[in-house]
Amino acid sequence: MELAFLKNWKSQVKKGALSYIVMNILKDKELYGYELIEDIRNYTEIEVAEGTLYPLMNRLKQEALVSSKWVEQKSGIPRKYYCLTELGSQTLEEMRTHWNSLANSISKISE
């Protein structure tokens, strides 16, 4: 049985890393929501629900880190595609530097 503390800690780590993961996935391509969820599942062991992803995408859009556009489909409903903005790319580089520094620090004390 998992302790409540551990469960909460895992949730907070996931929440904190999710924007970094999403921005990394979007750095070279634009995707619609379901594709983004699938890529997160394929690249990580993280399960992400639509109820988690879309509020995050809205926050990233409000911060001008991602942009979105609706694209009509040959069949079915239009899809909202997301891509990283120039500011998003610059921010991702700063995040990567911080992430790597943090990971190295944690590795040093975890050995």
C-alpha atoms as a PDB file:
ATOM      1  CA  MET A   1       0.000   0.000   0.000  1.00  0.00           C
ATOM      2  CA  GLU A   2       1.388   3.356  -1.050  1.00  0.00           C
ATOM      3  CA  LEU A   3       1.755   6.014   1.616  1.00  0.00           C
ATOM      4  CA  ALA A   4      -0.293   9.177   1.122  1.00  0.00           C
ATOM      5  CA  PHE A   5       2.899  11.249   1.277  1.00  0.00           C
ATOM      6  CA  LEU A   6       4.511   9.225  -1.529  1.00  0.00           C
ATOM      7  CA  LYS A   7       1.380   9.351  -3.671  1.00  0.00           C
ATOM      8  CA  ASN A   8       1.179  13.137  -3.271  1.00  0.00           C
ATOM      9  CA  TRP A   9       4.902  13.549  -3.966  1.00  0.00           C
ATOM     10  CA  LYS A  10       4.647  11.525  -7.196  1.00  0.00           C
ATOM     11  CA  SER A  11       1.678  13.613  -8.284  1.00  0.00           C
ATOM     12  CA  GLN A  12       3.548  16.870  -7.640  1.00  0.00           C
ATOM     13  CA  VAL A  13       6.638  15.677  -9.531  1.00  0.00           C
ATOM     14  CA  LYS A  14       4.455  14.694 -12.491  1.00  0.00           C
ATOM     15  CA  LYS A  15       2.603  18.004 -12.401  1.00  0.00           C
ATOM     16  CA  GLY A  16       5.845  19.958 -12.251  1.00  0.00           C
ATOM     17  CA  ALA A  17       7.476  18.059 -15.101  1.00  0.00           C
ATOM     18  CA  LEU A  18       4.505  17.922 -17.445  1.00  0.00           C
ATOM     19  CA  SER A  19       4.926  21.367 -19.009  1.00  0.00           C
ATOM     20  CA  TYR A  20       8.605  20.591 -19.658  1.00  0.00           C
ATOM     21  CA  ILE A  21       7.660  17.266 -21.267  1.00  0.00           C
ATOM     22  CA  VAL A  22       4.937  18.835 -23.431  1.00  0.00           C
ATOM     23  CA  MET A  23       7.183  21.649 -24.592  1.00  0.00           C
ATOM     24  CA  ASN A  24       9.939  19.177 -25.492  1.00  0.00           C
ATOM     25  CA  ILE A  25       7.510  17.128 -27.574  1.00  0.00           C
ATOM     26  CA  LEU A  26       6.274  20.252 -29.378  1.00  0.00           C
ATOM     27  CA  LYS A  27       9.753  21.640 -30.092  1.00  0.00           C
ATOM     28  CA  ASP A  28       9.950  20.106 -33.577  1.00  0.00           C
ATOM     29  CA  LYS A  29       6.348  19.487 -34.578  1.00  0.00           C
ATOM     30  CA  GLU A  30       2.787  20.597 -34.120  1.00  0.00           C
ATOM     31  CA  LEU A  31       0.261  18.163 -32.724  1.00  0.00           C
ATOM     32  CA  TYR A  32      -3.365  18.091 -31.743  1.00  0.00           C
ATOM     33  CA  GLY A  33      -4.358  17.107 -28.222  1.00  0.00           C
ATOM     34  CA  TYR A  34      -4.831  13.373 -28.665  1.00  0.00           C
ATOM     35  CA  GLU A  35      -1.515  13.047 -30.543  1.00  0.00           C
ATOM     36  CA  LEU A  36       0.165  14.925 -27.717  1.00  0.00           C
ATOM     37  CA  ILE A  37      -1.305  12.548 -25.138  1.00  0.00           C
ATOM     38  CA  GLU A  38      -0.126   9.578 -27.210  1.00  0.00           C
ATOM     39  CA  ASP A  39       3.407  10.996 -27.509  1.00  0.00           C
ATOM     40  CA  ILE A  40       3.561  11.576 -23.752  1.00  0.00           C
ATOM     41  CA  ARG A  41       2.548   7.951 -23.217  1.00  0.00           C
ATOM     42  CA  ASN A  42       5.056   6.713 -25.815  1.00  0.00           C
ATOM     43  CA  TYR A  43       8.036   8.748 -24.570  1.00  0.00           C
ATOM     44  CA  THR A  44       7.372   8.502 -20.840  1.00  0.00           C
ATOM     45  CA  GLU A  45       5.671   6.252 -18.328  1.00  0.00           C
ATOM     46  CA  ILE A  46       3.246   9.050 -17.484  1.00  0.00           C
ATOM     47  CA  GLU A  47      -0.481   8.654 -18.002  1.00  0.00           C
ATOM     48  CA  VAL A  48      -2.106  11.966 -18.885  1.00  0.00           C
ATOM     49  CA  ALA A  49      -5.831  12.522 -19.160  1.00  0.00           C
ATOM     50  CA  GLU A  50      -7.495  15.149 -21.332  1.00  0.00           C
ATOM     51  CA  GLY A  51      -8.645  16.841 -18.130  1.00  0.00           C
ATOM     52  CA  THR A  52      -4.996  17.382 -17.228  1.00  0.00           C
ATOM     53  CA  LEU A  53      -3.630  18.234 -20.667  1.00  0.00           C
ATOM     54  CA  TYR A  54      -6.066  20.875 -21.877  1.00  0.00           C
ATOM     55  CA  PRO A  55      -5.858  23.153 -18.823  1.00  0.00           C
ATOM     56  CA  LEU A  56      -2.053  22.938 -19.126  1.00  0.00           C
ATOM     57  CA  MET A  57      -2.235  23.836 -22.817  1.00  0.00           C
ATOM     58  CA  ASN A  58      -4.442  26.818 -21.975  1.00  0.00           C
ATOM     59  CA  ARG A  59      -1.906  28.022 -19.381  1.00  0.00           C
ATOM     60  CA  LEU A  60       0.974  27.621 -21.846  1.00  0.00           C
ATOM     61  CA  LYS A  61      -1.036  29.527 -24.447  1.00  0.00           C
ATOM     62  CA  GLN A  62      -1.816  32.345 -21.984  1.00  0.00           C
ATOM     63  CA  GLU A  63       1.931  32.626 -21.279  1.00  0.00           C
ATOM     64  CA  ALA A  64       2.545  32.834 -25.070  1.00  0.00           C
ATOM     65  CA  LEU A  65       4.704  29.681 -24.926  1.00  0.00           C
ATOM     66  CA  VAL A  66       2.489  27.770 -27.365  1.00  0.00           C
ATOM     67  CA  SER A  67       0.097  28.837 -30.062  1.00  0.00           C
ATOM     68  CA  SER A  68      -2.829  26.940 -31.496  1.00  0.00           C
ATOM     69  CA  LYS A  69      -4.886  26.811 -34.636  1.00  0.00           C
ATOM     70  CA  TRP A  70      -7.967  24.952 -35.745  1.00  0.00           C
ATOM     71  CA  VAL A  71      -7.511  22.697 -38.770  1.00  0.00           C
ATOM     72  CA  GLU A  72     -10.449  21.342 -40.748  1.00  0.00           C
ATOM     73  CA  GLN A  73     -10.391  17.601 -41.392  1.00  0.00           C
ATOM     74  CA  LYS A  74     -11.547  15.779 -44.540  1.00  0.00           C
ATOM     75  CA  SER A  75     -13.969  13.937 -42.320  1.00  0.00           C
ATOM     76  CA  GLY A  76     -14.965  14.604 -38.749  1.00  0.00           C
ATOM     77  CA  ILE A  77     -14.601  17.652 -36.593  1.00  0.00           C
ATOM     78  CA  PRO A  78     -11.795  20.244 -36.793  1.00  0.00           C
ATOM     79  CA  ARG A  79      -8.739  19.640 -34.617  1.00  0.00           C
ATOM     80  CA  LYS A  80      -6.839  22.166 -32.548  1.00  0.00           C
ATOM     81  CA  TYR A  81      -3.124  21.907 -33.268  1.00  0.00           C
ATOM     82  CA  TYR A  82      -0.493  23.237 -30.867  1.00  0.00           C
ATOM     83  CA  CYS A  83       3.055  24.356 -31.567  1.00  0.00           C
ATOM     84  CA  LEU A  84       5.822  26.065 -29.638  1.00  0.00           C
ATOM     85  CA  THR A  85       6.229  29.807 -30.144  1.00  0.00           C
ATOM     86  CA  GLU A  86       9.593  31.549 -30.400  1.00  0.00           C
ATOM     87  CA  LEU A  87       9.231  32.546 -26.745  1.00  0.00           C
ATOM     88  CA  GLY A  88       8.354  28.924 -25.969  1.00  0.00           C
ATOM     89  CA  SER A  89      11.551  27.718 -27.665  1.00  0.00           C
ATOM     90  CA  GLN A  90      13.659  30.215 -25.721  1.00  0.00           C
ATOM     91  CA  THR A  91      11.913  29.289 -22.476  1.00  0.00           C
ATOM     92  CA  LEU A  92      12.417  25.587 -23.186  1.00  0.00           C
ATOM     93  CA  GLU A  93      16.170  26.144 -23.510  1.00  0.00           C
ATOM     94  CA  GLU A  94      16.242  27.865 -20.130  1.00  0.00           C
ATOM     95  CA  MET A  95      14.110  25.093 -18.643  1.00  0.00           C
ATOM     96  CA  ARG A  96      16.466  22.456 -20.090  1.00  0.00           C
ATOM     97  CA  THR A  97      19.483  24.142 -18.496  1.00  0.00           C
ATOM     98  CA  HIS A  98      17.733  24.294 -15.127  1.00  0.00           C
ATOM     99  CA  TRP A  99      16.405  20.723 -15.442  1.00  0.00           C
ATOM    100  CA  ASN A 100      19.872  19.334 -16.229  1.00  0.00           C
ATOM    101  CA  SER A 101      21.424  21.230 -13.338  1.00  0.00           C
ATOM    102  CA  LEU A 102      18.740  19.973 -10.983  1.00  0.00           C
ATOM    103  CA  ALA A 103      19.058  16.388 -12.222  1.00  0.00           C
ATOM    104  CA  ASN A 104      22.850  16.496 -11.764  1.00  0.00           C
ATOM    105  CA  SER A 105      22.464  17.871  -8.227  1.00  0.00           C
ATOM    106  CA  ILE A 106      19.938  15.191  -7.316  1.00  0.00           C
ATOM    107  CA  SER A 107      22.180  12.492  -8.779  1.00  0.00           C
ATOM    108  CA  LYS A 108      25.076  13.662  -6.623  1.00  0.00           C
ATOM    109  CA  ILE A 109      23.119  13.446  -3.377  1.00  0.00           C
ATOM    110  CA  SER A 110      21.290  10.236  -4.340  1.00  0.00           C
ATOM    111  CA  GLU A 111      24.409   8.119  -4.822  1.00  0.00           C
END
